[in-house]
C-alpha atoms as a PDB file:
ATOM      1  CA  PRO A   1      77.477  77.753  89.900  1.00  0.00           C
ATOM      2  CA  PRO A   2      81.245  77.342  90.201  1.00  0.00           C
ATOM      3  CA  ALA A   3      82.599  74.705  92.566  1.00  0.00           C
ATOM      4  CA  LEU A   4      83.903  75.881  95.897  1.00  0.00           C
ATOM      5  CA  ALA A   5      87.236  74.284  96.792  1.00  0.00           C
ATOM      6  CA  LEU A   6      87.752  73.934 100.533  1.00  0.00           C
ATOM      7  CA  THR A   7      91.045  73.510 102.330  1.00  0.00           C
ATOM      8  CA  GLU A   8      91.358  71.979 105.783  1.00  0.00           C
ATOM      9  CA  ASN A   9      92.855  74.423 108.260  1.00  0.00           C
ATOM     10  CA  PRO A  10      95.564  73.364 110.697  1.00  0.00           C
ATOM     11  CA  ASP A  11      94.440  72.692 114.265  1.00  0.00           C
ATOM     12  CA  ILE A  12      96.185  75.614 115.947  1.00  0.00           C
ATOM     13  CA  LEU A  13      95.079  74.770 119.499  1.00  0.00           C
ATOM     14  CA  ALA A  14      96.291  71.161 119.283  1.00  0.00           C
ATOM     15  CA  THR A  15      99.545  72.247 117.635  1.00  0.00           C
ATOM     16  CA  VAL A  16     100.256  74.742 120.428  1.00  0.00           C
ATOM     17  CA  GLY A  17      98.987  72.454 123.203  1.00  0.00           C
ATOM     18  CA  HIS A  18     101.219  69.557 122.154  1.00  0.00           C
ATOM     19  CA  SER A  19     104.264  71.569 121.060  1.00  0.00           C
ATOM     20  CA  GLN A  20     107.692  71.167 122.628  1.00  0.00           C
ATOM     21  CA  LEU A  21     107.703  74.990 122.688  1.00  0.00           C
ATOM     22  CA  ARG A  22     104.361  75.051 124.495  1.00  0.00           C
ATOM     23  CA  PRO A  23     103.636  78.201 126.507  1.00  0.00           C
ATOM     24  CA  ARG A  24     102.916  77.950 130.246  1.00  0.00           C
ATOM     25  CA  LEU A  25      99.193  78.453 129.714  1.00  0.00           C
ATOM     26  CA  VAL A  26      97.088  77.258 126.792  1.00  0.00           C
ATOM     27  CA  VAL A  27      93.432  78.329 126.732  1.00  0.00           C
ATOM     28  CA  GLY A  28      90.935  77.242 124.097  1.00  0.00           C
ATOM     29  CA  PHE A  29      87.277  77.871 123.422  1.00  0.00           C
ATOM     30  CA  ALA A  30      84.312  75.569 122.854  1.00  0.00           C
ATOM     31  CA  ALA A  31      81.080  76.956 121.433  1.00  0.00           C
ATOM     32  CA  GLU A  32      78.682  74.022 121.694  1.00  0.00           C
ATOM     33  CA  THR A  33      75.010  73.335 121.075  1.00  0.00           C
ATOM     34  CA  ASP A  34      74.748  70.194 123.214  1.00  0.00           C
ATOM     35  CA  ALA A  35      76.749  68.175 125.756  1.00  0.00           C
ATOM     36  CA  LEU A  36      78.582  71.386 126.617  1.00  0.00           C
ATOM     37  CA  LEU A  37      80.730  70.229 129.530  1.00  0.00           C
ATOM     38  CA  ALA A  38      81.399  66.738 128.160  1.00  0.00           C
ATOM     39  CA  ASN A  39      82.537  68.193 124.837  1.00  0.00           C
ATOM     40  CA  ALA A  40      84.672  70.816 126.588  1.00  0.00           C
ATOM     41  CA  ARG A  41      86.374  68.174 128.763  1.00  0.00           C
ATOM     42  CA  ALA A  42      87.075  66.034 125.705  1.00  0.00           C
ATOM     43  CA  LYS A  43      88.507  69.045 123.872  1.00  0.00           C
ATOM     44  CA  LEU A  44      90.693  69.908 126.874  1.00  0.00           C
ATOM     45  CA  ASP A  45      92.303  66.465 126.732  1.00  0.00           C
ATOM     46  CA  ARG A  46      92.407  66.108 122.955  1.00  0.00           C
ATOM     47  CA  LYS A  47      93.997  69.505 122.347  1.00  0.00           C
ATOM     48  CA  GLY A  48      96.433  69.500 125.274  1.00  0.00           C
ATOM     49  CA  ALA A  49      94.971  72.716 126.686  1.00  0.00           C
ATOM     50  CA  ASP A  50      95.060  73.877 130.300  1.00  0.00           C
ATOM     51  CA  ALA A  51      91.596  75.384 130.145  1.00  0.00           C
ATOM     52  CA  ILE A  52      88.614  75.524 127.842  1.00  0.00           C
ATOM     53  CA  VAL A  53      86.187  78.439 127.950  1.00  0.00           C
ATOM     54  CA  ALA A  54      82.911  76.737 127.107  1.00  0.00           C
ATOM     55  CA  ASN A  55      79.623  78.320 126.201  1.00  0.00           C
ATOM     56  CA  ASP A  56      76.264  77.102 124.953  1.00  0.00           C
ATOM     57  CA  VAL A  57      75.483  78.720 121.610  1.00  0.00           C
ATOM     58  CA  SER A  58      72.226  76.904 120.906  1.00  0.00           C
ATOM     59  CA  ALA A  59      69.471  79.149 119.531  1.00  0.00           C
ATOM     60  CA  ALA A  60      67.536  79.178 122.816  1.00  0.00           C
ATOM     61  CA  THR A  61      70.413  80.895 124.668  1.00  0.00           C
ATOM     62  CA  GLY A  62      70.416  84.002 122.473  1.00  0.00           C
ATOM     63  CA  VAL A  63      74.220  84.133 122.703  1.00  0.00           C
ATOM     64  CA  MET A  64      74.817  84.476 118.973  1.00  0.00           C
ATOM     65  CA  GLY A  65      74.009  88.091 118.176  1.00  0.00           C
ATOM     66  CA  GLY A  66      73.137  88.826 121.802  1.00  0.00           C
ATOM     67  CA  MET A  67      74.846  91.019 124.370  1.00  0.00           C
ATOM     68  CA  ALA A  68      75.241  88.469 127.196  1.00  0.00           C
ATOM     69  CA  ASN A  69      76.892  85.103 127.666  1.00  0.00           C
ATOM     70  CA  THR A  70      77.269  82.392 130.280  1.00  0.00           C
ATOM     71  CA  VAL A  71      80.638  80.647 130.244  1.00  0.00           C
ATOM     72  CA  HIS A  72      82.185  77.744 132.096  1.00  0.00           C
ATOM     73  CA  ILE A  73      85.946  77.481 132.612  1.00  0.00           C
ATOM     74  CA  VAL A  74      86.847  73.800 132.296  1.00  0.00           C
ATOM     75  CA  THR A  75      90.211  72.641 133.670  1.00  0.00           C
ATOM     76  CA  ARG A  76      91.592  69.309 134.817  1.00  0.00           C
ATOM     77  CA  ASP A  77      90.639  70.346 138.364  1.00  0.00           C
ATOM     78  CA  GLY A  78      86.977  70.920 137.566  1.00  0.00           C
ATOM     79  CA  VAL A  79      84.530  73.474 136.231  1.00  0.00           C
ATOM     80  CA  GLU A  80      84.149  77.107 137.237  1.00  0.00           C
ATOM     81  CA  ASP A  81      80.626  78.261 136.325  1.00  0.00           C
ATOM     82  CA  TRP A  82      80.286  81.977 135.681  1.00  0.00           C
ATOM     83  CA  PRO A  83      76.943  83.778 135.903  1.00  0.00           C
ATOM     84  CA  LYS A  84      75.283  85.307 132.869  1.00  0.00           C
ATOM     85  CA  LEU A  85      77.280  88.455 132.100  1.00  0.00           C
ATOM     86  CA  ASP A  86      77.538  91.150 129.470  1.00  0.00           C
ATOM     87  CA  LYS A  87      80.038  89.939 126.863  1.00  0.00           C
ATOM     88  CA  THR A  88      82.380  92.828 127.670  1.00  0.00           C
ATOM     89  CA  GLU A  89      82.414  91.741 131.320  1.00  0.00           C
ATOM     90  CA  VAL A  90      83.089  88.135 130.274  1.00  0.00           C
ATOM     91  CA  ALA A  91      86.122  89.401 128.341  1.00  0.00           C
ATOM     92  CA  ARG A  92      87.346  91.455 131.323  1.00  0.00           C
ATOM     93  CA  ARG A  93      86.955  88.559 133.734  1.00  0.00           C
ATOM     94  CA  LEU A  94      88.617  86.148 131.348  1.00  0.00           C
ATOM     95  CA  ALA A  95      91.600  88.477 130.911  1.00  0.00           C
ATOM     96  CA  ALA A  96      91.884  88.754 134.717  1.00  0.00           C
ATOM     97  CA  TRP A  97      91.542  84.960 135.117  1.00  0.00           C
ATOM     98  CA  ILE A  98      94.365  84.371 132.625  1.00  0.00           C
ATOM     99  CA  ALA A  99      96.562  87.111 134.125  1.00  0.00           C
ATOM    100  CA  ALA A 100      96.141  85.643 137.615  1.00  0.00           C
ATOM    101  CA  ARG A 101      97.338  82.244 136.441  1.00  0.00           C
ATOM    102  CA  LEU A 102     100.291  83.703 134.588  1.00  0.00           C
ATOM    103  CA  THR A 103     101.406  85.883 137.499  1.00  0.00           C
ATOM    104  CA  GLU A 104     101.026  83.010 139.956  1.00  0.00           C
ATOM    105  CA  GLY A 105     103.152  80.892 137.682  1.00  0.00           C
ATOM    106  CA  ASP A 106     100.646  78.089 138.090  1.00  0.00           C
ATOM    107  CA  ARG A 107      98.939  76.206 135.337  1.00  0.00           C
ATOM    108  CA  PRO A 108      95.259  75.579 136.073  1.00  0.00           C
END
């Protein structure tokens, strides 16, 4: 078989999070299979984000290919645990969460 040449992609979240032209609010995502909150906190710091939307994607959760998800919003102030929701509702709530922070003018 022919060789597959891979190219490393730029780290968009870290680039935006550490930019001098950084927006008021930077939100990233962490799909993890273990140490969910610890990995999300580390990513928050490493990437310069204001919030990380973390979810457990291990096989036992049924998230991958499923219709529901449980997310945790990790900020420097703590963790906001959301209940298990339909993925469409997660998206709606996340959009509202982001909009609230942008209209308040506060960073989480």
